[in-house]
N, C-alpha and C. Protein backbone atom coordinates (compact mmCIF):
# COMPACT_ATOMS: atom_id res chain seq x y z
N UNK A 1 0.83 -1.19 0.00
CA UNK A 1 0.00 0.00 0.00
C UNK A 1 0.88 1.25 0.00
N UNK A 2 0.48 2.23 -0.75
CA UNK A 2 1.21 3.49 -0.88
C UNK A 2 1.20 4.24 0.46
N UNK A 3 2.36 4.70 0.91
CA UNK A 3 2.47 5.46 2.16
C UNK A 3 3.02 6.85 1.85
N UNK A 4 2.21 7.87 2.08
CA UNK A 4 2.64 9.25 1.84
C UNK A 4 3.82 9.59 2.75
N UNK A 5 3.75 9.19 4.01
CA UNK A 5 4.84 9.49 4.95
C UNK A 5 6.15 8.85 4.49
N UNK A 6 6.08 7.60 4.04
CA UNK A 6 7.29 6.92 3.57
C UNK A 6 7.84 7.61 2.32
N UNK A 7 6.97 7.97 1.41
CA UNK A 7 7.40 8.65 0.19
C UNK A 7 8.02 10.02 0.49
N UNK A 8 7.44 10.75 1.44
CA UNK A 8 8.02 12.03 1.86
C UNK A 8 9.40 11.81 2.46
N UNK A 9 9.49 10.84 3.36
CA UNK A 9 10.76 10.54 4.03
C UNK A 9 11.86 10.18 3.03
N UNK A 10 11.50 9.37 2.05
CA UNK A 10 12.48 8.90 1.06
C UNK A 10 12.79 9.95 -0.01
N UNK A 11 12.10 11.07 0.04
CA UNK A 11 12.36 12.12 -0.94
C UNK A 11 11.68 11.92 -2.28
N UNK A 12 10.75 10.98 -2.33
CA UNK A 12 10.04 10.72 -3.58
C UNK A 12 8.91 11.71 -3.83
N UNK A 13 8.47 12.37 -2.79
CA UNK A 13 7.46 13.43 -2.92
C UNK A 13 8.13 14.72 -2.49
N UNK A 14 8.21 15.66 -3.39
CA UNK A 14 8.79 16.96 -3.08
C UNK A 14 7.82 18.04 -3.54
N UNK A 15 6.97 18.50 -2.63
CA UNK A 15 5.92 19.46 -3.00
C UNK A 15 6.45 20.72 -3.68
N UNK A 16 7.63 21.18 -3.29
CA UNK A 16 8.17 22.40 -3.87
C UNK A 16 8.56 22.21 -5.34
N UNK A 17 8.81 20.98 -5.75
CA UNK A 17 9.24 20.70 -7.12
C UNK A 17 8.14 20.12 -7.99
N UNK A 18 6.92 20.23 -7.55
CA UNK A 18 5.82 19.60 -8.27
C UNK A 18 5.64 20.21 -9.66
N UNK A 19 5.21 19.39 -10.56
CA UNK A 19 4.91 19.84 -11.91
C UNK A 19 3.42 20.16 -12.00
N UNK A 20 3.09 21.08 -12.83
CA UNK A 20 1.69 21.44 -13.02
C UNK A 20 1.01 20.43 -13.94
N UNK A 21 -0.17 20.03 -13.56
CA UNK A 21 -0.96 19.17 -14.44
C UNK A 21 -1.37 19.99 -15.66
N UNK A 22 -1.54 19.36 -16.80
CA UNK A 22 -1.90 20.11 -18.02
C UNK A 22 -3.34 20.61 -17.95
N UNK A 23 -3.51 21.78 -17.34
CA UNK A 23 -4.83 22.38 -17.19
C UNK A 23 -4.82 23.79 -17.76
N UNK A 24 -5.98 24.40 -17.81
CA UNK A 24 -6.09 25.78 -18.29
C UNK A 24 -5.29 26.72 -17.38
N UNK A 25 -5.35 26.49 -16.07
CA UNK A 25 -4.60 27.32 -15.13
C UNK A 25 -3.10 27.19 -15.35
N UNK A 26 -2.65 25.97 -15.63
CA UNK A 26 -1.24 25.75 -15.89
C UNK A 26 -0.80 26.50 -17.13
N UNK A 27 -1.62 26.49 -18.16
CA UNK A 27 -1.30 27.22 -19.39
C UNK A 27 -1.26 28.72 -19.13
N UNK A 28 -2.18 29.22 -18.32
CA UNK A 28 -2.18 30.64 -17.96
C UNK A 28 -0.91 31.00 -17.18
N UNK A 29 -0.51 30.10 -16.29
CA UNK A 29 0.72 30.31 -15.52
C UNK A 29 1.93 30.39 -16.46
N UNK A 30 2.01 29.44 -17.40
CA UNK A 30 3.12 29.43 -18.35
C UNK A 30 3.14 30.70 -19.19
N UNK A 31 1.96 31.17 -19.59
CA UNK A 31 1.85 32.39 -20.39
C UNK A 31 2.36 33.59 -19.60
N UNK A 32 1.95 33.69 -18.35
CA UNK A 32 2.42 34.78 -17.49
C UNK A 32 3.93 34.70 -17.28
N UNK A 33 4.43 33.49 -17.11
CA UNK A 33 5.87 33.32 -16.90
C UNK A 33 6.66 33.75 -18.13
N UNK A 34 6.17 33.38 -19.31
CA UNK A 34 6.83 33.81 -20.55
C UNK A 34 6.82 35.33 -20.68
N UNK A 35 5.70 35.95 -20.37
CA UNK A 35 5.59 37.42 -20.45
C UNK A 35 6.56 38.08 -19.47
N UNK A 36 6.64 37.52 -18.27
CA UNK A 36 7.55 38.06 -17.27
C UNK A 36 9.00 37.94 -17.74
N UNK A 37 9.34 36.82 -18.33
CA UNK A 37 10.69 36.60 -18.83
C UNK A 37 11.02 37.60 -19.94
N UNK A 38 10.06 37.87 -20.81
CA UNK A 38 10.29 38.85 -21.88
C UNK A 38 10.53 40.24 -21.30
N UNK A 39 9.77 40.63 -20.30
CA UNK A 39 9.96 41.94 -19.68
C UNK A 39 11.32 42.00 -18.99
N UNK A 40 11.68 40.93 -18.29
CA UNK A 40 12.98 40.89 -17.62
C UNK A 40 14.11 41.03 -18.63
N UNK A 41 14.02 40.33 -19.75
CA UNK A 41 15.04 40.41 -20.80
C UNK A 41 15.14 41.83 -21.35
N UNK A 42 13.98 42.45 -21.56
CA UNK A 42 13.97 43.84 -22.05
C UNK A 42 14.65 44.77 -21.05
N UNK A 43 14.27 44.66 -19.79
CA UNK A 43 14.85 45.54 -18.76
C UNK A 43 16.36 45.35 -18.66
N UNK A 44 16.81 44.11 -18.77
CA UNK A 44 18.25 43.84 -18.71
C UNK A 44 18.99 44.49 -19.88
N UNK A 45 18.30 44.70 -20.98
CA UNK A 45 18.96 45.30 -22.14
C UNK A 45 18.97 46.83 -22.10
N UNK A 46 18.09 47.44 -21.32
CA UNK A 46 18.00 48.90 -21.33
C UNK A 46 18.48 49.57 -20.05
N UNK A 47 18.59 48.83 -18.96
CA UNK A 47 18.99 49.44 -17.70
C UNK A 47 20.50 49.69 -17.64
N UNK A 48 20.87 50.73 -16.92
CA UNK A 48 22.29 50.98 -16.68
C UNK A 48 22.84 49.87 -15.78
N UNK A 49 24.14 49.79 -15.67
CA UNK A 49 24.76 48.74 -14.86
C UNK A 49 24.30 48.84 -13.39
N UNK A 50 24.25 50.07 -12.88
CA UNK A 50 23.83 50.26 -11.49
C UNK A 50 22.35 49.88 -11.30
N UNK A 51 21.52 50.31 -12.23
CA UNK A 51 20.09 49.98 -12.14
C UNK A 51 19.87 48.47 -12.33
N UNK A 52 20.67 47.86 -13.19
CA UNK A 52 20.56 46.42 -13.42
C UNK A 52 20.92 45.64 -12.16
N UNK A 53 21.96 46.10 -11.45
CA UNK A 53 22.33 45.47 -10.19
C UNK A 53 21.19 45.57 -9.19
N UNK A 54 20.57 46.73 -9.10
CA UNK A 54 19.43 46.92 -8.19
C UNK A 54 18.25 46.04 -8.61
N UNK A 55 18.03 45.94 -9.90
CA UNK A 55 16.94 45.12 -10.42
C UNK A 55 17.15 43.66 -10.05
N UNK A 56 18.37 43.16 -10.23
CA UNK A 56 18.67 41.76 -9.89
C UNK A 56 18.55 41.53 -8.38
N UNK A 57 18.97 42.50 -7.59
CA UNK A 57 18.81 42.41 -6.13
C UNK A 57 17.34 42.32 -5.78
N UNK A 58 16.54 43.16 -6.41
CA UNK A 58 15.09 43.14 -6.18
C UNK A 58 14.49 41.79 -6.57
N UNK A 59 14.86 41.29 -7.74
CA UNK A 59 14.34 40.00 -8.22
C UNK A 59 14.71 38.87 -7.26
N UNK A 60 15.95 38.87 -6.78
CA UNK A 60 16.39 37.84 -5.85
C UNK A 60 15.61 37.92 -4.54
N UNK A 61 15.39 39.14 -4.05
CA UNK A 61 14.62 39.31 -2.82
C UNK A 61 13.18 38.86 -3.01
N UNK A 62 12.60 39.19 -4.15
CA UNK A 62 11.23 38.79 -4.45
C UNK A 62 11.12 37.28 -4.52
N UNK A 63 12.10 36.65 -5.14
CA UNK A 63 12.12 35.19 -5.21
C UNK A 63 12.21 34.56 -3.83
N UNK A 64 13.05 35.10 -2.97
CA UNK A 64 13.17 34.59 -1.61
C UNK A 64 11.87 34.77 -0.83
N UNK A 65 11.24 35.94 -0.99
CA UNK A 65 9.95 36.17 -0.32
C UNK A 65 8.89 35.18 -0.81
N UNK A 66 8.85 34.96 -2.12
CA UNK A 66 7.88 34.00 -2.68
C UNK A 66 8.12 32.60 -2.14
N UNK A 67 9.37 32.20 -2.06
CA UNK A 67 9.73 30.87 -1.57
C UNK A 67 9.28 30.71 -0.12
N UNK A 68 9.57 31.71 0.71
CA UNK A 68 9.17 31.64 2.12
C UNK A 68 7.66 31.65 2.29
N UNK A 69 6.98 32.45 1.47
CA UNK A 69 5.52 32.50 1.54
C UNK A 69 4.91 31.15 1.15
N UNK A 70 5.44 30.54 0.10
CA UNK A 70 4.95 29.22 -0.32
C UNK A 70 5.18 28.18 0.77
N UNK A 71 6.34 28.26 1.42
CA UNK A 71 6.63 27.31 2.50
C UNK A 71 5.64 27.49 3.65
N UNK A 72 5.40 28.73 4.05
CA UNK A 72 4.46 28.99 5.14
C UNK A 72 3.04 28.57 4.76
N UNK A 73 2.66 28.81 3.53
CA UNK A 73 1.33 28.40 3.07
C UNK A 73 1.20 26.88 3.08
N UNK A 74 2.25 26.19 2.64
CA UNK A 74 2.24 24.73 2.64
C UNK A 74 2.09 24.20 4.07
N UNK A 75 2.88 24.74 4.99
CA UNK A 75 2.82 24.30 6.39
C UNK A 75 1.45 24.57 6.98
N UNK A 76 0.92 25.76 6.73
CA UNK A 76 -0.41 26.10 7.25
C UNK A 76 -1.47 25.15 6.70
N UNK A 77 -1.43 24.90 5.39
CA UNK A 77 -2.43 24.03 4.76
C UNK A 77 -2.29 22.60 5.27
N UNK A 78 -1.06 22.13 5.46
CA UNK A 78 -0.85 20.78 5.97
C UNK A 78 -1.41 20.66 7.39
N UNK A 79 -1.13 21.64 8.22
CA UNK A 79 -1.65 21.62 9.60
C UNK A 79 -3.17 21.70 9.62
N UNK A 80 -3.73 22.53 8.76
CA UNK A 80 -5.18 22.65 8.68
C UNK A 80 -5.79 21.32 8.25
N UNK A 81 -5.17 20.66 7.29
CA UNK A 81 -5.66 19.35 6.85
C UNK A 81 -5.57 18.32 7.96
N UNK A 82 -4.49 18.36 8.73
CA UNK A 82 -4.34 17.42 9.85
C UNK A 82 -5.40 17.69 10.92
N UNK A 83 -5.67 18.96 11.19
CA UNK A 83 -6.72 19.31 12.16
C UNK A 83 -8.08 18.83 11.66
N UNK A 84 -8.31 18.96 10.38
CA UNK A 84 -9.57 18.51 9.78
C UNK A 84 -9.72 16.99 9.96
N UNK A 85 -8.66 16.25 9.69
CA UNK A 85 -8.71 14.80 9.84
C UNK A 85 -8.93 14.42 11.31
N UNK A 86 -8.28 15.14 12.21
CA UNK A 86 -8.47 14.88 13.64
C UNK A 86 -9.93 15.08 14.01
N UNK A 87 -10.50 16.17 13.53
CA UNK A 87 -11.91 16.46 13.83
C UNK A 87 -12.83 15.40 13.24
N UNK A 88 -12.53 14.94 12.06
CA UNK A 88 -13.35 13.93 11.41
C UNK A 88 -13.31 12.61 12.19
N UNK A 89 -12.15 12.28 12.72
CA UNK A 89 -11.99 11.00 13.40
C UNK A 89 -12.49 11.00 14.85
N UNK A 90 -12.61 12.16 15.46
CA UNK A 90 -13.08 12.25 16.84
C UNK A 90 -14.60 12.22 16.89
N UNK A 91 -15.15 11.71 17.98
CA UNK A 91 -16.61 11.76 18.10
C UNK A 91 -17.10 13.20 18.20
N UNK A 92 -18.25 13.44 17.64
CA UNK A 92 -18.81 14.78 17.63
C UNK A 92 -19.31 15.13 19.04
N UNK A 93 -18.92 16.34 19.48
CA UNK A 93 -19.35 16.81 20.81
C UNK A 93 -20.73 17.42 20.72
N UNK A 94 -21.55 17.17 21.72
CA UNK A 94 -22.88 17.77 21.80
C UNK A 94 -22.74 19.22 22.24
N UNK A 95 -23.57 20.08 21.69
CA UNK A 95 -23.54 21.50 22.07
C UNK A 95 -24.59 21.79 23.09
């Protein structure tokens, strides 16, 4: 039987590296990513060296913030799911 805990432990499940299923939302995500890459390429070609350094610093900081936010969201959602399962498995209290 498939064990999520075992797969997580063995590194076979890595939520941060998940691939998007081929859906409309995934295609929209890819489209936005391509547009962002085009803008970044344009900015890199027109900015001065000093402005380009600041831009890359900003991009790196934004990436770090996004990574931390995704991690916190994952942890929150996992804990919420665990609380939900706990509630489902416990007998219902009378009010």
